[in-house]
Amino acid sequence: MRRASYRDALFWITRNDDCSWLPDGPISVTAALVADLFEVDDARIRKDLCDRYPNTLHGPDDATLRNRRRPVDIPRTTGGTSS
């Protein structure tokens, strides 16, 4: 299992959260949870999102999407014994 990273959390926010609070509104609940989980302040979340993803209101650009690591599909076994 891969550990969550701050960078992945920022990427997730840009793809799945309403970022209309950028650049100067109160941060979203999701951003607040990321700040708490990774022990960073609200200002850093805001700055990092604006610096890494300047078009955050529209999500990251295509180059960012192409360079993002893809999750690994791990086959799962069902219960029971194997021979």
PDB file of N, CA and C in Angstrom:
ATOM      1  N   MET A   1       0.839  -1.168   0.000  1.00  0.00           N
ATOM      2  CA  MET A   1       0.000   0.000   0.000  1.00  0.00           C
ATOM      3  C   MET A   1       0.895   1.246   0.000  1.00  0.00           C
ATOM      4  N   ARG A   2       0.543   2.185  -0.819  1.00  0.00           N
ATOM      5  CA  ARG A   2       1.322   3.415  -0.929  1.00  0.00           C
ATOM      6  C   ARG A   2       0.847   4.434   0.095  1.00  0.00           C
ATOM      7  N   ARG A   3       1.788   5.094   0.756  1.00  0.00           N
ATOM      8  CA  ARG A   3       1.449   6.136   1.725  1.00  0.00           C
ATOM      9  C   ARG A   3       0.959   7.388   1.009  1.00  0.00           C
ATOM     10  N   ALA A   4       0.018   8.038   1.619  1.00  0.00           N
ATOM     11  CA  ALA A   4      -0.462   9.304   1.067  1.00  0.00           C
ATOM     12  C   ALA A   4       0.633  10.353   1.199  1.00  0.00           C
ATOM     13  N   SER A   5       0.717  11.229   0.231  1.00  0.00           N
ATOM     14  CA  SER A   5       1.706  12.296   0.305  1.00  0.00           C
ATOM     15  C   SER A   5       0.985  13.643   0.238  1.00  0.00           C
ATOM     16  N   TYR A   6       1.659  14.652   0.730  1.00  0.00           N
ATOM     17  CA  TYR A   6       1.120  16.009   0.695  1.00  0.00           C
ATOM     18  C   TYR A   6       0.876  16.436  -0.746  1.00  0.00           C
ATOM     19  N   ARG A   7       1.823  16.095  -1.600  1.00  0.00           N
ATOM     20  CA  ARG A   7       1.715  16.454  -3.018  1.00  0.00           C
ATOM     21  C   ARG A   7       0.491  15.800  -3.677  1.00  0.00           C
ATOM     22  N   ASP A   8       0.274  14.521  -3.371  1.00  0.00           N
ATOM     23  CA  ASP A   8      -0.903  13.822  -3.904  1.00  0.00           C
ATOM     24  C   ASP A   8      -2.197  14.434  -3.364  1.00  0.00           C
ATOM     25  N   ALA A   9      -2.167  14.849  -2.106  1.00  0.00           N
ATOM     26  CA  ALA A   9      -3.357  15.469  -1.510  1.00  0.00           C
ATOM     27  C   ALA A   9      -3.681  16.790  -2.204  1.00  0.00           C
ATOM     28  N   LEU A  10      -2.645  17.585  -2.499  1.00  0.00           N
ATOM     29  CA  LEU A  10      -2.882  18.831  -3.234  1.00  0.00           C
ATOM     30  C   LEU A  10      -3.468  18.547  -4.608  1.00  0.00           C
ATOM     31  N   PHE A  11      -2.915  17.550  -5.287  1.00  0.00           N
ATOM     32  CA  PHE A  11      -3.418  17.177  -6.607  1.00  0.00           C
ATOM     33  C   PHE A  11      -4.890  16.763  -6.511  1.00  0.00           C
ATOM     34  N   TRP A  12      -5.225  15.972  -5.498  1.00  0.00           N
ATOM     35  CA  TRP A  12      -6.599  15.508  -5.325  1.00  0.00           C
ATOM     36  C   TRP A  12      -7.536  16.701  -5.134  1.00  0.00           C
ATOM     37  N   ILE A  13      -7.094  17.672  -4.333  1.00  0.00           N
ATOM     38  CA  ILE A  13      -7.925  18.866  -4.116  1.00  0.00           C
ATOM     39  C   ILE A  13      -8.217  19.558  -5.442  1.00  0.00           C
ATOM     40  N   THR A  14      -7.212  19.698  -6.295  1.00  0.00           N
ATOM     41  CA  THR A  14      -7.423  20.405  -7.564  1.00  0.00           C
ATOM     42  C   THR A  14      -8.380  19.660  -8.479  1.00  0.00           C
ATOM     43  N   ARG A  15      -8.415  18.348  -8.378  1.00  0.00           N
ATOM     44  CA  ARG A  15      -9.269  17.556  -9.266  1.00  0.00           C
ATOM     45  C   ARG A  15     -10.661  17.312  -8.715  1.00  0.00           C
ATOM     46  N   ASN A  16     -10.830  17.367  -7.389  1.00  0.00           N
ATOM     47  CA  ASN A  16     -12.091  16.922  -6.799  1.00  0.00           C
ATOM     48  C   ASN A  16     -12.782  17.918  -5.892  1.00  0.00           C
ATOM     49  N   ASP A  17     -12.115  18.985  -5.521  1.00  0.00           N
ATOM     50  CA  ASP A  17     -12.689  19.941  -4.576  1.00  0.00           C
ATOM     51  C   ASP A  17     -13.074  21.229  -5.304  1.00  0.00           C
ATOM     52  N   ASP A  18     -14.032  21.928  -4.752  1.00  0.00           N
ATOM     53  CA  ASP A  18     -14.389  23.238  -5.282  1.00  0.00           C
ATOM     54  C   ASP A  18     -13.337  24.227  -4.793  1.00  0.00           C
ATOM     55  N   CYS A  19     -12.507  24.715  -5.696  1.00  0.00           N
ATOM     56  CA  CYS A  19     -11.399  25.606  -5.326  1.00  0.00           C
ATOM     57  C   CYS A  19     -11.755  27.071  -5.495  1.00  0.00           C
ATOM     58  N   SER A  20     -13.031  27.386  -5.453  1.00  0.00           N
ATOM     59  CA  SER A  20     -13.435  28.782  -5.608  1.00  0.00           C
ATOM     60  C   SER A  20     -12.986  29.638  -4.424  1.00  0.00           C
ATOM     61  N   TRP A  21     -12.558  29.021  -3.354  1.00  0.00           N
ATOM     62  CA  TRP A  21     -12.056  29.751  -2.184  1.00  0.00           C
ATOM     63  C   TRP A  21     -10.676  30.353  -2.432  1.00  0.00           C
ATOM     64  N   LEU A  22      -9.983  29.882  -3.465  1.00  0.00           N
ATOM     65  CA  LEU A  22      -8.682  30.477  -3.806  1.00  0.00           C
ATOM     66  C   LEU A  22      -8.920  31.766  -4.567  1.00  0.00           C
ATOM     67  N   PRO A  23      -8.145  32.759  -4.467  1.00  0.00           N
ATOM     68  CA  PRO A  23      -6.926  32.853  -3.665  1.00  0.00           C
ATOM     69  C   PRO A  23      -7.123  33.424  -2.276  1.00  0.00           C
ATOM     70  N   ASP A  24      -8.315  33.956  -1.927  1.00  0.00           N
ATOM     71  CA  ASP A  24      -8.372  34.668  -0.648  1.00  0.00           C
ATOM     72  C   ASP A  24      -9.554  34.350   0.256  1.00  0.00           C
ATOM     73  N   GLY A  25     -10.348  33.341  -0.059  1.00  0.00           N
ATOM     74  CA  GLY A  25     -11.474  32.992   0.803  1.00  0.00           C
ATOM     75  C   GLY A  25     -11.051  32.031   1.896  1.00  0.00           C
ATOM     76  N   PRO A  26     -11.969  31.704   2.808  1.00  0.00           N
ATOM     77  CA  PRO A  26     -11.644  30.688   3.823  1.00  0.00           C
ATOM     78  C   PRO A  26     -11.475  29.332   3.137  1.00  0.00           C
ATOM     79  N   ILE A  27     -10.506  28.538   3.596  1.00  0.00           N
ATOM     80  CA  ILE A  27     -10.212  27.278   2.905  1.00  0.00           C
ATOM     81  C   ILE A  27     -11.356  26.283   3.071  1.00  0.00           C
ATOM     82  N   SER A  28     -11.407  25.322   2.164  1.00  0.00           N
ATOM     83  CA  SER A  28     -12.460  24.314   2.192  1.00  0.00           C
ATOM     84  C   SER A  28     -12.213  23.316   3.322  1.00  0.00           C
ATOM     85  N   VAL A  29     -13.232  22.529   3.629  1.00  0.00           N
ATOM     86  CA  VAL A  29     -13.095  21.493   4.652  1.00  0.00           C
ATOM     87  C   VAL A  29     -12.023  20.496   4.232  1.00  0.00           C
ATOM     88  N   THR A  30     -11.999  20.127   2.959  1.00  0.00           N
ATOM     89  CA  THR A  30     -10.997  19.185   2.466  1.00  0.00           C
ATOM     90  C   THR A  30      -9.589  19.737   2.651  1.00  0.00           C
ATOM     91  N   ALA A  31      -9.395  20.990   2.290  1.00  0.00           N
ATOM     92  CA  ALA A  31      -8.080  21.608   2.463  1.00  0.00           C
ATOM     93  C   ALA A  31      -7.707  21.689   3.934  1.00  0.00           C
ATOM     94  N   ALA A  32      -8.677  21.950   4.793  1.00  0.00           N
ATOM     95  CA  ALA A  32      -8.415  22.000   6.231  1.00  0.00           C
ATOM     96  C   ALA A  32      -7.997  20.621   6.754  1.00  0.00           C
ATOM     97  N   LEU A  33      -8.628  19.573   6.253  1.00  0.00           N
ATOM     98  CA  LEU A  33      -8.250  18.212   6.653  1.00  0.00           C
ATOM     99  C   LEU A  33      -6.830  17.874   6.192  1.00  0.00           C
ATOM    100  N   VAL A  34      -6.482  18.273   4.975  1.00  0.00           N
ATOM    101  CA  VAL A  34      -5.122  18.052   4.468  1.00  0.00           C
ATOM    102  C   VAL A  34      -4.117  18.824   5.318  1.00  0.00           C
ATOM    103  N   ALA A  35      -4.442  20.063   5.660  1.00  0.00           N
ATOM    104  CA  ALA A  35      -3.555  20.871   6.499  1.00  0.00           C
ATOM    105  C   ALA A  35      -3.334  20.193   7.849  1.00  0.00           C
ATOM    106  N   ASP A  36      -4.397  19.668   8.427  1.00  0.00           N
ATOM    107  CA  ASP A  36      -4.292  18.992   9.719  1.00  0.00           C
ATOM    108  C   ASP A  36      -3.506  17.692   9.607  1.00  0.00           C
ATOM    109  N   LEU A  37      -3.802  16.906   8.590  1.00  0.00           N
ATOM    110  CA  LEU A  37      -3.137  15.614   8.409  1.00  0.00           C
ATOM    111  C   LEU A  37      -1.632  15.762   8.203  1.00  0.00           C
ATOM    112  N   PHE A  38      -1.232  16.763   7.423  1.00  0.00           N
ATOM    113  CA  PHE A  38       0.184  16.948   7.119  1.00  0.00           C
ATOM    114  C   PHE A  38       0.836  18.047   7.969  1.00  0.00           C
ATOM    115  N   GLU A  39       0.097  18.545   8.970  1.00  0.00           N
ATOM    116  CA  GLU A  39       0.601  19.523   9.933  1.00  0.00           C
ATOM    117  C   GLU A  39       1.203  20.763   9.270  1.00  0.00           C
ATOM    118  N   VAL A  40       0.426  21.348   8.360  1.00  0.00           N
ATOM    119  CA  VAL A  40       0.811  22.605   7.723  1.00  0.00           C
ATOM    120  C   VAL A  40      -0.297  23.616   7.990  1.00  0.00           C
ATOM    121  N   ASP A  41       0.021  24.902   7.891  1.00  0.00           N
ATOM    122  CA  ASP A  41      -1.009  25.900   8.146  1.00  0.00           C
ATOM    123  C   ASP A  41      -1.793  26.220   6.870  1.00  0.00           C
ATOM    124  N   ASP A  42      -2.916  26.883   7.057  1.00  0.00           N
ATOM    125  CA  ASP A  42      -3.808  27.207   5.939  1.00  0.00           C
ATOM    126  C   ASP A  42      -3.100  28.028   4.863  1.00  0.00           C
ATOM    127  N   ALA A  43      -2.252  28.941   5.301  1.00  0.00           N
ATOM    128  CA  ALA A  43      -1.538  29.797   4.337  1.00  0.00           C
ATOM    129  C   ALA A  43      -0.637  28.969   3.431  1.00  0.00           C
ATOM    130  N   ARG A  44      -0.023  27.922   3.969  1.00  0.00           N
ATOM    131  CA  ARG A  44       0.849  27.087   3.139  1.00  0.00           C
ATOM    132  C   ARG A  44       0.037  26.304   2.105  1.00  0.00           C
ATOM    133  N   ILE A  45      -1.101  25.765   2.527  1.00  0.00           N
ATOM    134  CA  ILE A  45      -1.978  25.051   1.582  1.00  0.00           C
ATOM    135  C   ILE A  45      -2.331  25.984   0.423  1.00  0.00           C
ATOM    136  N   ARG A  46      -2.760  27.182   0.764  1.00  0.00           N
ATOM    137  CA  ARG A  46      -3.161  28.161  -0.249  1.00  0.00           C
ATOM    138  C   ARG A  46      -1.993  28.485  -1.179  1.00  0.00           C
ATOM    139  N   LYS A  47      -0.808  28.764  -0.602  1.00  0.00           N
ATOM    140  CA  LYS A  47       0.367  29.118  -1.391  1.00  0.00           C
ATOM    141  C   LYS A  47       0.797  27.955  -2.286  1.00  0.00           C
ATOM    142  N   ASP A  48       0.842  26.755  -1.713  1.00  0.00           N
ATOM    143  CA  ASP A  48       1.282  25.595  -2.491  1.00  0.00           C
ATOM    144  C   ASP A  48       0.331  25.278  -3.639  1.00  0.00           C
ATOM    145  N   LEU A  49      -0.956  25.409  -3.404  1.00  0.00           N
ATOM    146  CA  LEU A  49      -1.916  25.179  -4.491  1.00  0.00           C
ATOM    147  C   LEU A  49      -1.749  26.222  -5.593  1.00  0.00           C
ATOM    148  N   CYS A  50      -1.589  27.471  -5.204  1.00  0.00           N
ATOM    149  CA  CYS A  50      -1.434  28.535  -6.205  1.00  0.00           C
ATOM    150  C   CYS A  50      -0.104  28.427  -6.941  1.00  0.00           C
ATOM    151  N   ASP A  51       0.967  28.021  -6.241  1.00  0.00           N
ATOM    152  CA  ASP A  51       2.284  27.887  -6.870  1.00  0.00           C
ATOM    153  C   ASP A  51       2.368  26.668  -7.784  1.00  0.00           C
ATOM    154  N   ARG A  52       1.888  25.531  -7.294  1.00  0.00           N
ATOM    155  CA  ARG A  52       1.983  24.287  -8.077  1.00  0.00           C
ATOM    156  C   ARG A  52       0.980  24.243  -9.220  1.00  0.00           C
ATOM    157  N   TYR A  53      -0.202  24.738  -8.968  1.00  0.00           N
ATOM    158  CA  TYR A  53      -1.287  24.671  -9.941  1.00  0.00           C
ATOM    159  C   TYR A  53      -1.861  26.065 -10.154  1.00  0.00           C
ATOM    160  N   PRO A  54      -1.183  26.893 -10.949  1.00  0.00           N
ATOM    161  CA  PRO A  54      -1.640  28.270 -11.129  1.00  0.00           C
ATOM    162  C   PRO A  54      -3.058  28.368 -11.686  1.00  0.00           C
ATOM    163  N   ASN A  55      -3.506  27.363 -12.374  1.00  0.00           N
ATOM    164  CA  ASN A  55      -4.872  27.358 -12.918  1.00  0.00           C
ATOM    165  C   ASN A  55      -5.778  26.480 -12.077  1.00  0.00           C
ATOM    166  N   THR A  56      -5.618  26.544 -10.764  1.00  0.00           N
ATOM    167  CA  THR A  56      -6.326  25.650  -9.863  1.00  0.00           C
ATOM    168  C   THR A  56      -7.832  25.672 -10.042  1.00  0.00           C
ATOM    169  N   LEU A  57      -8.378  26.807 -10.386  1.00  0.00           N
ATOM    170  CA  LEU A  57      -9.827  26.843 -10.572  1.00  0.00           C
ATOM    171  C   LEU A  57     -10.258  25.920 -11.696  1.00  0.00           C
ATOM    172  N   HIS A  58      -9.334  25.623 -12.616  1.00  0.00           N
ATOM    173  CA  HIS A  58      -9.649  24.737 -13.734  1.00  0.00           C
ATOM    174  C   HIS A  58      -8.955  23.404 -13.611  1.00  0.00           C
ATOM    175  N   GLY A  59      -8.188  23.173 -12.556  1.00  0.00           N
ATOM    176  CA  GLY A  59      -7.432  21.942 -12.377  1.00  0.00           C
ATOM    177  C   GLY A  59      -6.062  22.058 -13.008  1.00  0.00           C
ATOM    178  N   PRO A  60      -5.197  21.090 -12.742  1.00  0.00           N
ATOM    179  CA  PRO A  60      -3.845  21.136 -13.289  1.00  0.00           C
ATOM    180  C   PRO A  60      -3.838  20.983 -14.799  1.00  0.00           C
ATOM    181  N   ASP A  61      -2.776  21.436 -15.421  1.00  0.00           N
ATOM    182  CA  ASP A  61      -2.693  21.343 -16.872  1.00  0.00           C
ATOM    183  C   ASP A  61      -2.411  19.911 -17.330  1.00  0.00           C
ATOM    184  N   ASP A  62      -2.499  19.672 -18.630  1.00  0.00           N
ATOM    185  CA  ASP A  62      -2.321  18.332 -19.175  1.00  0.00           C
ATOM    186  C   ASP A  62      -0.944  17.758 -18.887  1.00  0.00           C
ATOM    187  N   ALA A  63       0.104  18.583 -18.910  1.00  0.00           N
ATOM    188  CA  ALA A  63       1.456  18.089 -18.636  1.00  0.00           C
ATOM    189  C   ALA A  63       1.545  17.545 -17.213  1.00  0.00           C
ATOM    190  N   THR A  64       0.903  18.212 -16.277  1.00  0.00           N
ATOM    191  CA  THR A  64       0.901  17.737 -14.895  1.00  0.00           C
ATOM    192  C   THR A  64       0.190  16.398 -14.808  1.00  0.00           C
ATOM    193  N   LEU A  65      -0.911  16.260 -15.504  1.00  0.00           N
ATOM    194  CA  LEU A  65      -1.642  14.996 -15.487  1.00  0.00           C
ATOM    195  C   LEU A  65      -0.821  13.864 -16.095  1.00  0.00           C
ATOM    196  N   ARG A  66      -0.120  14.139 -17.186  1.00  0.00           N
ATOM    197  CA  ARG A  66       0.696  13.099 -17.832  1.00  0.00           C
ATOM    198  C   ARG A  66       1.854  12.666 -16.948  1.00  0.00           C
ATOM    199  N   ASN A  67       2.432  13.583 -16.169  1.00  0.00           N
ATOM    200  CA  ASN A  67       3.597  13.268 -15.358  1.00  0.00           C
ATOM    201  C   ASN A  67       3.257  12.697 -13.992  1.00  0.00           C
ATOM    202  N   ARG A  68       2.001  12.660 -13.650  1.00  0.00           N
ATOM    203  CA  ARG A  68       1.594  12.146 -12.342  1.00  0.00           C
ATOM    204  C   ARG A  68       1.731  10.632 -12.329  1.00  0.00           C
ATOM    205  N   ARG A  69       2.246  10.123 -11.228  1.00  0.00           N
ATOM    206  CA  ARG A  69       2.352   8.674 -11.088  1.00  0.00           C
ATOM    207  C   ARG A  69       0.967   8.050 -11.035  1.00  0.00           C
ATOM    208  N   ARG A  70       0.807   6.968 -11.708  1.00  0.00           N
ATOM    209  CA  ARG A  70      -0.467   6.256 -11.710  1.00  0.00           C
ATOM    210  C   ARG A  70      -0.501   5.288 -10.527  1.00  0.00           C
ATOM    211  N   PRO A  71      -1.686   5.112  -9.908  1.00  0.00           N
ATOM    212  CA  PRO A  71      -1.769   4.145  -8.820  1.00  0.00           C
ATOM    213  C   PRO A  71      -1.514   2.734  -9.344  1.00  0.00           C
ATOM    214  N   VAL A  72      -0.956   1.910  -8.513  1.00  0.00           N
ATOM    215  CA  VAL A  72      -0.661   0.534  -8.891  1.00  0.00           C
ATOM    216  C   VAL A  72      -1.864  -0.320  -8.559  1.00  0.00           C
ATOM    217  N   ASP A  73      -2.288  -1.134  -9.512  1.00  0.00           N
ATOM    218  CA  ASP A  73      -3.410  -2.028  -9.296  1.00  0.00           C
ATOM    219  C   ASP A  73      -2.876  -3.306  -8.660  1.00  0.00           C
ATOM    220  N   ILE A  74      -3.256  -3.540  -7.410  1.00  0.00           N
ATOM    221  CA  ILE A  74      -2.782  -4.717  -6.690  1.00  0.00           C
ATOM    222  C   ILE A  74      -3.895  -5.747  -6.694  1.00  0.00           C
ATOM    223  N   PRO A  75      -3.622  -6.936  -7.269  1.00  0.00           N
ATOM    224  CA  PRO A  75      -4.659  -7.965  -7.278  1.00  0.00           C
ATOM    225  C   PRO A  75      -4.980  -8.410  -5.854  1.00  0.00           C
ATOM    226  N   ARG A  76      -6.229  -8.566  -5.597  1.00  0.00           N
ATOM    227  CA  ARG A  76      -6.654  -9.002  -4.262  1.00  0.00           C
ATOM    228  C   ARG A  76      -7.108 -10.447  -4.326  1.00  0.00           C
ATOM    229  N   THR A  77      -6.824 -11.163  -3.292  1.00  0.00           N
ATOM    230  CA  THR A  77      -7.250 -12.557  -3.229  1.00  0.00           C
ATOM    231  C   THR A  77      -8.515 -12.645  -2.413  1.00  0.00           C
ATOM    232  N   THR A  78      -9.321 -13.618  -2.720  1.00  0.00           N
ATOM    233  CA  THR A  78     -10.532 -13.822  -1.939  1.00  0.00           C
ATOM    234  C   THR A  78     -10.211 -14.778  -0.804  1.00  0.00           C
ATOM    235  N   GLY A  79     -11.091 -14.870   0.134  1.00  0.00           N
ATOM    236  CA  GLY A  79     -10.883 -15.757   1.286  1.00  0.00           C
ATOM    237  C   GLY A  79     -10.749 -17.202   0.855  1.00  0.00           C
ATOM    238  N   GLY A  80     -10.280 -18.019   1.750  1.00  0.00           N
ATOM    239  CA  GLY A  80     -10.102 -19.430   1.440  1.00  0.00           C
ATOM    240  C   GLY A  80      -8.636 -19.798   1.446  1.00  0.00           C
ATOM    241  N   THR A  81      -8.393 -21.046   1.192  1.00  0.00           N
ATOM    242  CA  THR A  81      -7.011 -21.511   1.185  1.00  0.00           C
ATOM    243  C   THR A  81      -6.574 -21.782  -0.233  1.00  0.00           C
ATOM    244  N   SER A  82      -5.299 -21.653  -0.468  1.00  0.00           N
ATOM    245  CA  SER A  82      -4.786 -21.957  -1.799  1.00  0.00           C
ATOM    246  C   SER A  82      -4.004 -23.257  -1.753  1.00  0.00           C
ATOM    247  N   SER A  83      -3.973 -23.947  -2.850  1.00  0.00           N
ATOM    248  CA  SER A  83      -3.297 -25.249  -2.898  1.00  0.00           C
ATOM    249  C   SER A  83      -1.845 -25.095  -3.230  1.00  0.00           C
TER     250      SER A  83
END
